[in-house]
Amino acid sequence: MILGVMRYIDLFCGLGAFHQALNEHDCVFACDIDEGVREVYEANHGLKPAGDIREIDPLKLPDFELLCAGFPCQPFSIAGNGEGFNDTVKGTLFYDILRIIDAKKPHTCILENVKNLKTHDDGRTFAVIRDSLVQRGYIVTAKVLNSAHFGSPQARQRIFIVARKDEPFVFPEQFFPEVTVSAILDRSVTDQWDTIGYDLIPKDPEPKPFTPQIVYDVVSRKSGKGGRQGERVYSSDAVGITVCASSGGIGAKTGLYLIGKRIRRLSVLETLRMFGFPDTYRFTCSDEQALFYLGNSVVVNVVSALQQSL
């Protein structure tokens, strides 16, 4: 276990969920290839991230005890290209993490990715990651966690891989009380989705804890198509769906919610709350770009829970 204030690095930092959760510790380096998100990160965390991890010289990095990396998920995602390590642009970035580990030998590493990473390529992708860390002297523990179990109103399942030098990491077992979407709504928002051109097909979901509830399927009268994540209306009295950077349809990214008698997408502020960021968080980009960045973010609530065992 690491005692006292940790020095850590924030790779593929995005909006800085690790930074937000580890705010009592010292972030000594961050990086992200996206220039726009680097500007947002600096505006909120006071640290200017470096760019492409492939151009970083690990030997020039400051010393640190903890490596955090929510590395790109698209190569391993059902919603992405699914090519894994065959994606020569994003799929091989894990090896750049290993370059840094080899040079700096941190005590602990926390890696986050889509839950499909565990089963991708019949488990071979995960085995490569696990074995690479074990060969470097780490004890590796991994678990798929649902952010809704940690006080987030978003059902977002992601795998967390924790590698430590001295002892196995113990994941928290106790669930937080369920928080529904209704708890994070901005009641001043008056937007309403115009249903012209669509049919709403009522659903009769059986309420389940920590599970989104579909109220309507949305079907286009022109194409007859519908029923994807962005073409459904969800109950705001349950946890919400996974915010997704790549989802399309009229409910793109956040999904559509029935709020009172109105149907609408979530606002940027509400989506920030879905991820556990504070209301004071500010963006230096358009709302749609902000939602895209949020769709790629780690959930602050989960990292906050994990840090208690670091």
C-alpha atoms as a PDB file:
ATOM      1  CA  MET A   1       0.000   0.000   0.000  1.00  0.00           C
ATOM      2  CA  ILE A   2       1.185   3.511  -0.820  1.00  0.00           C
ATOM      3  CA  LEU A   3       1.249   5.732   2.246  1.00  0.00           C
ATOM      4  CA  GLY A   4       0.854   9.504   2.220  1.00  0.00           C
ATOM      5  CA  VAL A   5       0.594  11.712  -0.852  1.00  0.00           C
ATOM      6  CA  MET A   6       1.083   9.823  -4.110  1.00  0.00           C
ATOM      7  CA  ARG A   7       2.745  11.168  -7.211  1.00  0.00           C
ATOM      8  CA  TYR A   8       0.883   9.913 -10.262  1.00  0.00           C
ATOM      9  CA  ILE A   9       0.694  10.322 -14.028  1.00  0.00           C
ATOM     10  CA  ASP A  10      -2.533  10.601 -16.016  1.00  0.00           C
ATOM     11  CA  LEU A  11      -2.115   8.946 -19.436  1.00  0.00           C
ATOM     12  CA  PHE A  12      -4.812   9.382 -22.113  1.00  0.00           C
ATOM     13  CA  CYS A  13      -6.110  11.887 -19.576  1.00  0.00           C
ATOM     14  CA  GLY A  14      -9.255  13.066 -21.364  1.00  0.00           C
ATOM     15  CA  LEU A  15     -11.297  15.319 -19.092  1.00  0.00           C
ATOM     16  CA  GLY A  16      -9.283  14.268 -16.045  1.00  0.00           C
ATOM     17  CA  ALA A  17     -11.515  11.862 -14.119  1.00  0.00           C
ATOM     18  CA  PHE A  18      -8.451  10.353 -12.442  1.00  0.00           C
ATOM     19  CA  HIS A  19      -7.223  13.852 -11.605  1.00  0.00           C
ATOM     20  CA  GLN A  20     -10.610  14.797 -10.164  1.00  0.00           C
ATOM     21  CA  ALA A  21     -10.797  11.676  -8.006  1.00  0.00           C
ATOM     22  CA  LEU A  22      -7.169  11.839  -6.857  1.00  0.00           C
ATOM     23  CA  ASN A  23      -7.258  15.548  -6.047  1.00  0.00           C
ATOM     24  CA  GLU A  24      -5.521  15.049  -2.701  1.00  0.00           C
ATOM     25  CA  HIS A  25      -2.508  13.590  -4.486  1.00  0.00           C
ATOM     26  CA  ASP A  26       0.084  15.074  -6.853  1.00  0.00           C
ATOM     27  CA  CYS A  27      -0.354  14.713 -10.614  1.00  0.00           C
ATOM     28  CA  VAL A  28       3.133  15.189 -12.070  1.00  0.00           C
ATOM     29  CA  PHE A  29       2.351  14.483 -15.736  1.00  0.00           C
ATOM     30  CA  ALA A  30      -0.609  14.096 -18.089  1.00  0.00           C
ATOM     31  CA  CYS A  31      -0.973  13.450 -21.802  1.00  0.00           C
ATOM     32  CA  ASP A  32      -3.645  13.165 -24.480  1.00  0.00           C
ATOM     33  CA  ILE A  33      -3.426  13.261 -28.260  1.00  0.00           C
ATOM     34  CA  ASP A  34      -6.563  15.444 -28.602  1.00  0.00           C
ATOM     35  CA  GLU A  35      -5.643  19.139 -28.556  1.00  0.00           C
ATOM     36  CA  GLY A  36      -9.155  20.248 -27.623  1.00  0.00           C
ATOM     37  CA  VAL A  37      -9.404  18.001 -24.585  1.00  0.00           C
ATOM     38  CA  ARG A  38      -5.925  19.104 -23.484  1.00  0.00           C
ATOM     39  CA  GLU A  39      -7.238  22.673 -23.356  1.00  0.00           C
ATOM     40  CA  VAL A  40     -10.232  21.586 -21.271  1.00  0.00           C
ATOM     41  CA  TYR A  41      -7.990  19.600 -18.914  1.00  0.00           C
ATOM     42  CA  GLU A  42      -5.633  22.546 -18.375  1.00  0.00           C
ATOM     43  CA  ALA A  43      -8.542  24.948 -17.787  1.00  0.00           C
ATOM     44  CA  ASN A  44      -9.890  22.740 -14.995  1.00  0.00           C
ATOM     45  CA  HIS A  45      -6.829  21.132 -13.443  1.00  0.00           C
ATOM     46  CA  GLY A  46      -4.122  23.750 -13.941  1.00  0.00           C
ATOM     47  CA  LEU A  47      -1.764  21.305 -15.662  1.00  0.00           C
ATOM     48  CA  LYS A  48      -0.974  21.372 -19.378  1.00  0.00           C
ATOM     49  CA  PRO A  49      -0.945  17.821 -20.778  1.00  0.00           C
ATOM     50  CA  ALA A  50       1.595  16.637 -23.292  1.00  0.00           C
ATOM     51  CA  GLY A  51       0.412  15.256 -26.634  1.00  0.00           C
ATOM     52  CA  ASP A  52       0.874  11.883 -28.328  1.00  0.00           C
ATOM     53  CA  ILE A  53       2.107   9.212 -25.904  1.00  0.00           C
ATOM     54  CA  ARG A  54       4.109   7.636 -28.747  1.00  0.00           C
ATOM     55  CA  GLU A  55       6.368  10.693 -28.824  1.00  0.00           C
ATOM     56  CA  ILE A  56       7.079  10.719 -25.071  1.00  0.00           C
ATOM     57  CA  ASP A  57      10.556   9.840 -23.797  1.00  0.00           C
ATOM     58  CA  PRO A  58       9.828   7.903 -20.578  1.00  0.00           C
ATOM     59  CA  LEU A  59      13.281   8.660 -19.182  1.00  0.00           C
ATOM     60  CA  LYS A  60      12.420  12.372 -19.126  1.00  0.00           C
ATOM     61  CA  LEU A  61       9.291  11.870 -16.999  1.00  0.00           C
ATOM     62  CA  PRO A  62       9.332  12.822 -13.310  1.00  0.00           C
ATOM     63  CA  ASP A  63       9.282  10.019 -10.765  1.00  0.00           C
ATOM     64  CA  PHE A  64       5.869   8.737  -9.663  1.00  0.00           C
ATOM     65  CA  GLU A  65       4.336   5.903  -7.655  1.00  0.00           C
ATOM     66  CA  LEU A  66       1.035   5.477  -9.525  1.00  0.00           C
ATOM     67  CA  LEU A  67       0.318   5.179 -13.244  1.00  0.00           C
ATOM     68  CA  CYS A  68      -3.281   5.815 -14.386  1.00  0.00           C
ATOM     69  CA  ALA A  69      -4.408   5.107 -17.923  1.00  0.00           C
ATOM     70  CA  GLY A  70      -7.887   4.971 -19.419  1.00  0.00           C
ATOM     71  CA  PHE A  71      -6.380   3.864 -22.707  1.00  0.00           C
ATOM     72  CA  PRO A  72      -8.366   4.001 -25.985  1.00  0.00           C
ATOM     73  CA  CYS A  73     -11.223   1.524 -25.975  1.00  0.00           C
ATOM     74  CA  GLN A  74     -12.375   1.611 -29.614  1.00  0.00           C
ATOM     75  CA  PRO A  75     -10.198  -1.331 -30.757  1.00  0.00           C
ATOM     76  CA  PHE A  76     -11.766  -3.557 -28.078  1.00  0.00           C
ATOM     77  CA  SER A  77     -15.312  -2.183 -28.047  1.00  0.00           C
ATOM     78  CA  ILE A  78     -18.428  -3.777 -29.502  1.00  0.00           C
ATOM     79  CA  ALA A  79     -19.426  -0.261 -30.585  1.00  0.00           C
ATOM     80  CA  GLY A  80     -15.961   0.446 -32.015  1.00  0.00           C
ATOM     81  CA  ASN A  81     -13.884  -1.321 -34.650  1.00  0.00           C
ATOM     82  CA  GLY A  82     -13.160  -4.405 -32.515  1.00  0.00           C
ATOM     83  CA  GLU A  83      -9.733  -4.957 -34.086  1.00  0.00           C
ATOM     84  CA  GLY A  84      -7.820  -5.005 -30.809  1.00  0.00           C
ATOM     85  CA  PHE A  85      -4.036  -5.118 -31.209  1.00  0.00           C
ATOM     86  CA  ASN A  86      -4.536  -5.313 -34.994  1.00  0.00           C
ATOM     87  CA  ASP A  87      -5.512  -1.640 -34.863  1.00  0.00           C
ATOM     88  CA  THR A  88      -2.024  -0.250 -35.499  1.00  0.00           C
ATOM     89  CA  VAL A  89      -3.024   3.294 -34.490  1.00  0.00           C
ATOM     90  CA  LYS A  90      -4.853   2.803 -31.192  1.00  0.00           C
ATOM     91  CA  GLY A  91      -4.715  -0.901 -30.447  1.00  0.00           C
ATOM     92  CA  THR A  92      -0.989  -0.985 -29.787  1.00  0.00           C
ATOM     93  CA  LEU A  93      -0.896   1.949 -27.381  1.00  0.00           C
ATOM     94  CA  PHE A  94      -0.747  -0.501 -24.481  1.00  0.00           C
ATOM     95  CA  TYR A  95       2.866  -1.105 -25.456  1.00  0.00           C
ATOM     96  CA  ASP A  96       3.575   2.589 -24.973  1.00  0.00           C
ATOM     97  CA  ILE A  97       2.249   2.212 -21.435  1.00  0.00           C
ATOM     98  CA  LEU A  98       4.706  -0.672 -21.013  1.00  0.00           C
ATOM     99  CA  ARG A  99       7.564   1.563 -22.263  1.00  0.00           C
ATOM    100  CA  ILE A 100       6.816   3.961 -19.422  1.00  0.00           C
ATOM    101  CA  ILE A 101       6.437   1.152 -16.876  1.00  0.00           C
ATOM    102  CA  ASP A 102       9.794  -0.326 -17.912  1.00  0.00           C
ATOM    103  CA  ALA A 103      11.539   3.023 -17.553  1.00  0.00           C
ATOM    104  CA  LYS A 104       9.939   4.271 -14.323  1.00  0.00           C
ATOM    105  CA  LYS A 105       8.801   1.079 -12.540  1.00  0.00           C
ATOM    106  CA  PRO A 106       5.824   2.540 -10.624  1.00  0.00           C
ATOM    107  CA  HIS A 107       4.485   0.772  -7.560  1.00  0.00           C
ATOM    108  CA  THR A 108       0.894   0.612  -8.864  1.00  0.00           C
ATOM    109  CA  CYS A 109      -0.846   0.863 -12.226  1.00  0.00           C
ATOM    110  CA  ILE A 110      -4.571   1.369 -12.826  1.00  0.00           C
ATOM    111  CA  LEU A 111      -5.793   0.667 -16.347  1.00  0.00           C
ATOM    112  CA  GLU A 112      -9.384   1.195 -17.506  1.00  0.00           C
ATOM    113  CA  ASN A 113     -11.115  -0.030 -20.646  1.00  0.00           C
ATOM    114  CA  VAL A 114     -14.409  -1.387 -21.967  1.00  0.00           C
ATOM    115  CA  LYS A 115     -15.701  -4.588 -20.370  1.00  0.00           C
ATOM    116  CA  ASN A 116     -15.316  -6.363 -23.731  1.00  0.00           C
ATOM    117  CA  LEU A 117     -11.544  -6.238 -23.254  1.00  0.00           C
ATOM    118  CA  LYS A 118     -11.837  -9.250 -20.924  1.00  0.00           C
ATOM    119  CA  THR A 119     -13.351 -11.454 -23.648  1.00  0.00           C
ATOM    120  CA  HIS A 120     -11.893  -9.848 -26.787  1.00  0.00           C
ATOM    121  CA  ASP A 121     -10.298 -12.388 -29.149  1.00  0.00           C
ATOM    122  CA  ASP A 122     -11.444 -15.225 -26.866  1.00  0.00           C
ATOM    123  CA  GLY A 123      -9.573 -13.716 -23.929  1.00  0.00           C
ATOM    124  CA  ARG A 124      -6.198 -13.586 -25.662  1.00  0.00           C
ATOM    125  CA  THR A 125      -6.006  -9.776 -25.633  1.00  0.00           C
ATOM    126  CA  PHE A 126      -6.540  -9.627 -21.880  1.00  0.00           C
ATOM    127  CA  ALA A 127      -4.039 -12.456 -21.382  1.00  0.00           C
ATOM    128  CA  VAL A 128      -1.357 -10.459 -23.205  1.00  0.00           C
ATOM    129  CA  ILE A 129      -1.997  -7.442 -20.979  1.00  0.00           C
ATOM    130  CA  ARG A 130      -2.062  -9.499 -17.768  1.00  0.00           C
ATOM    131  CA  ASP A 131       1.000 -11.571 -18.641  1.00  0.00           C
ATOM    132  CA  SER A 132       2.986  -8.503 -19.712  1.00  0.00           C
ATOM    133  CA  LEU A 133       2.420  -6.958 -16.291  1.00  0.00           C
ATOM    134  CA  VAL A 134       3.110 -10.196 -14.391  1.00  0.00           C
ATOM    135  CA  GLN A 135       6.409 -10.586 -16.247  1.00  0.00           C
ATOM    136  CA  ARG A 136       7.367  -7.160 -14.871  1.00  0.00           C
ATOM    137  CA  GLY A 137       6.816  -8.272 -11.294  1.00  0.00           C
ATOM    138  CA  TYR A 138       3.257  -7.060 -10.752  1.00  0.00           C
ATOM    139  CA  ILE A 139       0.402  -8.829  -9.023  1.00  0.00           C
ATOM    140  CA  VAL A 140      -2.561  -8.241 -11.338  1.00  0.00           C
ATOM    141  CA  THR A 141      -6.194  -8.009 -10.274  1.00  0.00           C
ATOM    142  CA  ALA A 142      -9.019  -7.151 -12.665  1.00  0.00           C
ATOM    143  CA  LYS A 143     -12.750  -6.685 -12.373  1.00  0.00           C
ATOM    144  CA  VAL A 144     -15.616  -5.310 -14.468  1.00  0.00           C
ATOM    145  CA  LEU A 145     -17.289  -2.583 -12.423  1.00  0.00           C
ATOM    146  CA  ASN A 146     -20.630  -0.872 -12.978  1.00  0.00           C
ATOM    147  CA  SER A 147     -20.449   2.830 -12.110  1.00  0.00           C
ATOM    148  CA  ALA A 148     -24.094   2.685 -10.942  1.00  0.00           C
ATOM    149  CA  HIS A 149     -22.846   0.624  -7.982  1.00  0.00           C
ATOM    150  CA  PHE A 150     -20.643   3.542  -6.889  1.00  0.00           C
ATOM    151  CA  GLY A 151     -23.116   6.383  -6.574  1.00  0.00           C
ATOM    152  CA  SER A 152     -23.276   7.333 -10.249  1.00  0.00           C
ATOM    153  CA  PRO A 153     -26.700   7.556 -11.947  1.00  0.00           C
ATOM    154  CA  GLN A 154     -25.144   5.934 -15.032  1.00  0.00           C
ATOM    155  CA  ALA A 155     -24.952   2.197 -15.712  1.00  0.00           C
ATOM    156  CA  ARG A 156     -21.482   2.103 -17.233  1.00  0.00           C
ATOM    157  CA  GLN A 157     -19.568  -1.180 -17.110  1.00  0.00           C
ATOM    158  CA  ARG A 158     -15.815  -0.939 -17.490  1.00  0.00           C
ATOM    159  CA  ILE A 159     -12.925  -3.221 -16.659  1.00  0.00           C
ATOM    160  CA  PHE A 160     -10.373  -1.938 -14.172  1.00  0.00           C
ATOM    161  CA  ILE A 161      -6.986  -3.649 -14.111  1.00  0.00           C
ATOM    162  CA  VAL A 162      -4.890  -2.906 -11.030  1.00  0.00           C
ATOM    163  CA  ALA A 163      -1.254  -4.044 -10.975  1.00  0.00           C
ATOM    164  CA  ARG A 164       0.714  -3.723  -7.746  1.00  0.00           C
ATOM    165  CA  LYS A 165       4.233  -4.641  -6.671  1.00  0.00           C
ATOM    166  CA  ASP A 166       3.637  -5.908  -3.149  1.00  0.00           C
ATOM    167  CA  GLU A 167       0.141  -7.364  -2.656  1.00  0.00           C
ATOM    168  CA  PRO A 168      -3.072  -8.018  -4.600  1.00  0.00           C
ATOM    169  CA  PHE A 169      -5.462  -5.101  -4.886  1.00  0.00           C
ATOM    170  CA  VAL A 170      -8.811  -5.710  -3.201  1.00  0.00           C
ATOM    171  CA  PHE A 171     -11.788  -4.282  -5.060  1.00  0.00           C
ATOM    172  CA  PRO A 172     -14.616  -2.825  -2.961  1.00  0.00           C
ATOM    173  CA  GLU A 173     -17.490  -5.259  -2.540  1.00  0.00           C
ATOM    174  CA  GLN A 174     -20.175  -3.063  -1.002  1.00  0.00           C
ATOM    175  CA  PHE A 175     -22.546  -1.225  -3.354  1.00  0.00           C
ATOM    176  CA  PHE A 176     -23.469   2.407  -2.826  1.00  0.00           C
ATOM    177  CA  PRO A 177     -27.204   3.291  -2.681  1.00  0.00           C
ATOM    178  CA  GLU A 178     -28.784   3.592  -6.104  1.00  0.00           C
ATOM    179  CA  VAL A 179     -28.898   7.102  -7.581  1.00  0.00           C
ATOM    180  CA  THR A 180     -31.396   7.742 -10.379  1.00  0.00           C
ATOM    181  CA  VAL A 181     -31.192  10.185 -13.263  1.00  0.00           C
ATOM    182  CA  SER A 182     -33.894  12.303 -11.626  1.00  0.00           C
ATOM    183  CA  ALA A 183     -31.416  13.178  -8.864  1.00  0.00           C
ATOM    184  CA  ILE A 184     -29.041  14.986 -11.239  1.00  0.00           C
ATOM    185  CA  LEU A 185     -31.537  16.820 -13.457  1.00  0.00           C
ATOM    186  CA  ASP A 186     -31.301  20.544 -14.046  1.00  0.00           C
ATOM    187  CA  ARG A 187     -34.928  21.575 -13.604  1.00  0.00           C
ATOM    188  CA  SER A 188     -34.307  24.896 -15.370  1.00  0.00           C
ATOM    189  CA  VAL A 189     -33.844  23.134 -18.730  1.00  0.00           C
ATOM    190  CA  THR A 190     -36.933  23.588 -20.901  1.00  0.00           C
ATOM    191  CA  ASP A 191     -35.768  21.747 -24.035  1.00  0.00           C
ATOM    192  CA  GLN A 192     -38.137  19.222 -25.523  1.00  0.00           C
ATOM    193  CA  TRP A 193     -37.643  16.750 -28.347  1.00  0.00           C
ATOM    194  CA  ASP A 194     -39.980  17.230 -31.309  1.00  0.00           C
ATOM    195  CA  THR A 195     -41.521  13.802 -31.981  1.00  0.00           C
ATOM    196  CA  ILE A 196     -42.828  14.730 -35.452  1.00  0.00           C
ATOM    197  CA  GLY A 197     -41.906  11.957 -37.883  1.00  0.00           C
ATOM    198  CA  TYR A 198     -41.503   9.297 -35.213  1.00  0.00           C
ATOM    199  CA  ASP A 199     -43.707   6.744 -33.491  1.00  0.00           C
ATOM    200  CA  LEU A 200     -43.265   5.952 -29.803  1.00  0.00           C
ATOM    201  CA  ILE A 201     -43.772   2.257 -29.098  1.00  0.00           C
ATOM    202  CA  PRO A 202     -44.590   1.761 -25.394  1.00  0.00           C
ATOM    203  CA  LYS A 203     -42.506  -0.719 -23.424  1.00  0.00           C
ATOM    204  CA  ASP A 204     -43.402  -2.341 -20.139  1.00  0.00           C
ATOM    205  CA  PRO A 205     -40.085  -2.870 -18.369  1.00  0.00           C
ATOM    206  CA  GLU A 206     -39.718  -4.800 -15.143  1.00  0.00           C
ATOM    207  CA  PRO A 207     -37.923  -2.455 -12.741  1.00  0.00           C
ATOM    208  CA  LYS A 208     -34.538  -3.809 -11.638  1.00  0.00           C
ATOM    209  CA  PRO A 209     -32.013  -2.130  -9.330  1.00  0.00           C
ATOM    210  CA  PHE A 210     -29.093  -0.373 -11.048  1.00  0.00           C
ATOM    211  CA  THR A 211     -30.671  -1.020 -14.463  1.00  0.00           C
ATOM    212  CA  PRO A 212     -31.947   1.494 -17.052  1.00  0.00           C
ATOM    213  CA  GLN A 213     -35.635   1.231 -17.935  1.00  0.00           C
ATOM    214  CA  ILE A 214     -36.886   1.705 -21.495  1.00  0.00           C
ATOM    215  CA  VAL A 215     -40.200   3.585 -21.647  1.00  0.00           C
ATOM    216  CA  TYR A 216     -40.521   3.789 -25.442  1.00  0.00           C
ATOM    217  CA  ASP A 217     -38.803   2.535 -28.565  1.00  0.00           C
ATOM    218  CA  VAL A 218     -38.534   5.347 -31.096  1.00  0.00           C
ATOM    219  CA  VAL A 219     -39.260   4.342 -34.711  1.00  0.00           C
ATOM    220  CA  SER A 220     -38.871   6.561 -37.770  1.00  0.00           C
ATOM    221  CA  ARG A 221     -42.057   6.694 -39.854  1.00  0.00           C
ATOM    222  CA  LYS A 222     -39.945   7.274 -42.962  1.00  0.00           C
ATOM    223  CA  SER A 223     -37.473   4.405 -42.623  1.00  0.00           C
ATOM    224  CA  GLY A 224     -39.321   2.151 -40.196  1.00  0.00           C
ATOM    225  CA  LYS A 225     -36.070   1.788 -38.272  1.00  0.00           C
ATOM    226  CA  GLY A 226     -35.405   2.372 -34.594  1.00  0.00           C
ATOM    227  CA  GLY A 227     -34.641   0.704 -31.317  1.00  0.00           C
ATOM    228  CA  ARG A 228     -30.928   1.525 -31.035  1.00  0.00           C
ATOM    229  CA  GLN A 229     -29.628   3.159 -27.856  1.00  0.00           C
ATOM    230  CA  GLY A 230     -30.122   6.634 -29.310  1.00  0.00           C
ATOM    231  CA  GLU A 231     -33.618   5.692 -30.503  1.00  0.00           C
ATOM    232  CA  ARG A 232     -35.187   4.841 -27.163  1.00  0.00           C
ATOM    233  CA  VAL A 233     -36.738   6.850 -24.368  1.00  0.00           C
ATOM    234  CA  TYR A 234     -35.595   5.921 -20.865  1.00  0.00           C
ATOM    235  CA  SER A 235     -37.121   6.530 -17.455  1.00  0.00           C
ATOM    236  CA  SER A 236     -35.472   9.263 -15.393  1.00  0.00           C
ATOM    237  CA  ASP A 237     -36.622   7.381 -12.276  1.00  0.00           C
ATOM    238  CA  ALA A 238     -33.999   4.677 -12.857  1.00  0.00           C
ATOM    239  CA  VAL A 239     -30.264   4.788 -13.524  1.00  0.00           C
ATOM    240  CA  GLY A 240     -29.329   6.009 -16.969  1.00  0.00           C
ATOM    241  CA  ILE A 241     -27.687   4.321 -19.923  1.00  0.00           C
ATOM    242  CA  THR A 242     -23.996   4.475 -20.770  1.00  0.00           C
ATOM    243  CA  VAL A 243     -23.111   7.859 -22.235  1.00  0.00           C
ATOM    244  CA  CYS A 244     -21.420   6.989 -25.518  1.00  0.00           C
ATOM    245  CA  ALA A 245     -19.254   9.260 -27.665  1.00  0.00           C
ATOM    246  CA  SER A 246     -20.106   7.362 -30.836  1.00  0.00           C
ATOM    247  CA  SER A 247     -23.849   6.708 -30.491  1.00  0.00           C
ATOM    248  CA  GLY A 248     -26.175   8.267 -33.058  1.00  0.00           C
ATOM    249  CA  GLY A 249     -29.885   8.835 -33.495  1.00  0.00           C
ATOM    250  CA  ILE A 250     -32.066  11.560 -32.034  1.00  0.00           C
ATOM    251  CA  GLY A 251     -30.841  10.686 -28.544  1.00  0.00           C
ATOM    252  CA  ALA A 252     -27.191  10.646 -29.575  1.00  0.00           C
ATOM    253  CA  LYS A 253     -24.584  10.337 -26.802  1.00  0.00           C
ATOM    254  CA  THR A 254     -26.805  10.823 -23.728  1.00  0.00           C
ATOM    255  CA  GLY A 255     -29.984   9.009 -24.725  1.00  0.00           C
ATOM    256  CA  LEU A 256     -33.532  10.389 -24.484  1.00  0.00           C
ATOM    257  CA  TYR A 257     -35.306  10.579 -21.123  1.00  0.00           C
ATOM    258  CA  LEU A 258     -38.906  11.013 -20.066  1.00  0.00           C
ATOM    259  CA  ILE A 259     -38.820  13.914 -17.620  1.00  0.00           C
ATOM    260  CA  GLY A 260     -42.316  14.669 -16.374  1.00  0.00           C
ATOM    261  CA  LYS A 261     -44.295  14.849 -19.619  1.00  0.00           C
ATOM    262  CA  ARG A 262     -41.366  15.998 -21.748  1.00  0.00           C
ATOM    263  CA  ILE A 263     -38.765  13.953 -23.645  1.00  0.00           C
ATOM    264  CA  ARG A 264     -35.245  15.280 -24.155  1.00  0.00           C
ATOM    265  CA  ARG A 265     -31.538  14.553 -24.148  1.00  0.00           C
ATOM    266  CA  LEU A 266     -29.443  15.392 -21.122  1.00  0.00           C
ATOM    267  CA  SER A 267     -27.625  18.713 -20.979  1.00  0.00           C
ATOM    268  CA  VAL A 268     -23.852  19.031 -20.610  1.00  0.00           C
ATOM    269  CA  LEU A 269     -24.264  19.924 -16.920  1.00  0.00           C
ATOM    270  CA  GLU A 270     -26.453  16.896 -16.292  1.00  0.00           C
ATOM    271  CA  THR A 271     -24.010  14.650 -18.146  1.00  0.00           C
ATOM    272  CA  LEU A 272     -21.146  15.999 -16.049  1.00  0.00           C
ATOM    273  CA  ARG A 273     -23.117  14.901 -12.997  1.00  0.00           C
ATOM    274  CA  MET A 274     -23.555  11.450 -14.543  1.00  0.00           C
ATOM    275  CA  PHE A 275     -19.757  11.141 -14.399  1.00  0.00           C
ATOM    276  CA  GLY A 276     -19.252  12.661 -10.949  1.00  0.00           C
ATOM    277  CA  PHE A 277     -17.619  15.899 -12.113  1.00  0.00           C
ATOM    278  CA  PRO A 278     -18.488  19.061 -10.163  1.00  0.00           C
ATOM    279  CA  ASP A 279     -20.891  21.671 -11.511  1.00  0.00           C
ATOM    280  CA  THR A 280     -17.976  24.125 -11.608  1.00  0.00           C
ATOM    281  CA  TYR A 281     -16.250  22.092 -14.330  1.00  0.00           C
ATOM    282  CA  ARG A 282     -16.006  24.231 -17.464  1.00  0.00           C
ATOM    283  CA  PHE A 283     -15.561  23.496 -21.141  1.00  0.00           C
ATOM    284  CA  THR A 284     -13.620  25.450 -23.746  1.00  0.00           C
ATOM    285  CA  CYS A 285     -15.503  23.808 -26.621  1.00  0.00           C
ATOM    286  CA  SER A 286     -19.020  23.392 -28.026  1.00  0.00           C
ATOM    287  CA  ASP A 287     -21.697  21.440 -26.150  1.00  0.00           C
ATOM    288  CA  GLU A 288     -21.640  18.600 -28.690  1.00  0.00           C
ATOM    289  CA  GLN A 289     -17.858  18.315 -28.382  1.00  0.00           C
ATOM    290  CA  ALA A 290     -18.195  18.359 -24.588  1.00  0.00           C
ATOM    291  CA  LEU A 291     -20.649  15.450 -24.775  1.00  0.00           C
ATOM    292  CA  PHE A 292     -18.220  13.601 -27.044  1.00  0.00           C
ATOM    293  CA  TYR A 293     -15.418  14.041 -24.509  1.00  0.00           C
ATOM    294  CA  LEU A 294     -17.721  12.919 -21.700  1.00  0.00           C
ATOM    295  CA  GLY A 295     -18.655   9.808 -23.669  1.00  0.00           C
ATOM    296  CA  ASN A 296     -14.980   8.809 -23.603  1.00  0.00           C
ATOM    297  CA  SER A 297     -14.456   9.632 -19.922  1.00  0.00           C
ATOM    298  CA  VAL A 298     -13.802   7.483 -16.891  1.00  0.00           C
ATOM    299  CA  VAL A 299     -16.383   7.887 -14.083  1.00  0.00           C
ATOM    300  CA  VAL A 300     -14.982   9.871 -11.153  1.00  0.00           C
ATOM    301  CA  ASN A 301     -17.089   7.985  -8.594  1.00  0.00           C
ATOM    302  CA  VAL A 302     -15.454   4.658  -9.402  1.00  0.00           C
ATOM    303  CA  VAL A 303     -11.883   5.943  -9.123  1.00  0.00           C
ATOM    304  CA  SER A 304     -12.768   7.677  -5.858  1.00  0.00           C
ATOM    305  CA  ALA A 305     -13.936   4.335  -4.462  1.00  0.00           C
ATOM    306  CA  LEU A 306     -10.851   2.491  -5.682  1.00  0.00           C
ATOM    307  CA  GLN A 307      -8.374   4.968  -4.235  1.00  0.00           C
ATOM    308  CA  GLN A 308      -9.447   4.065  -0.719  1.00  0.00           C
ATOM    309  CA  SER A 309      -7.629   0.735  -1.176  1.00  0.00           C
ATOM    310  CA  LEU A 310      -4.489   2.087  -2.813  1.00  0.00           C
END
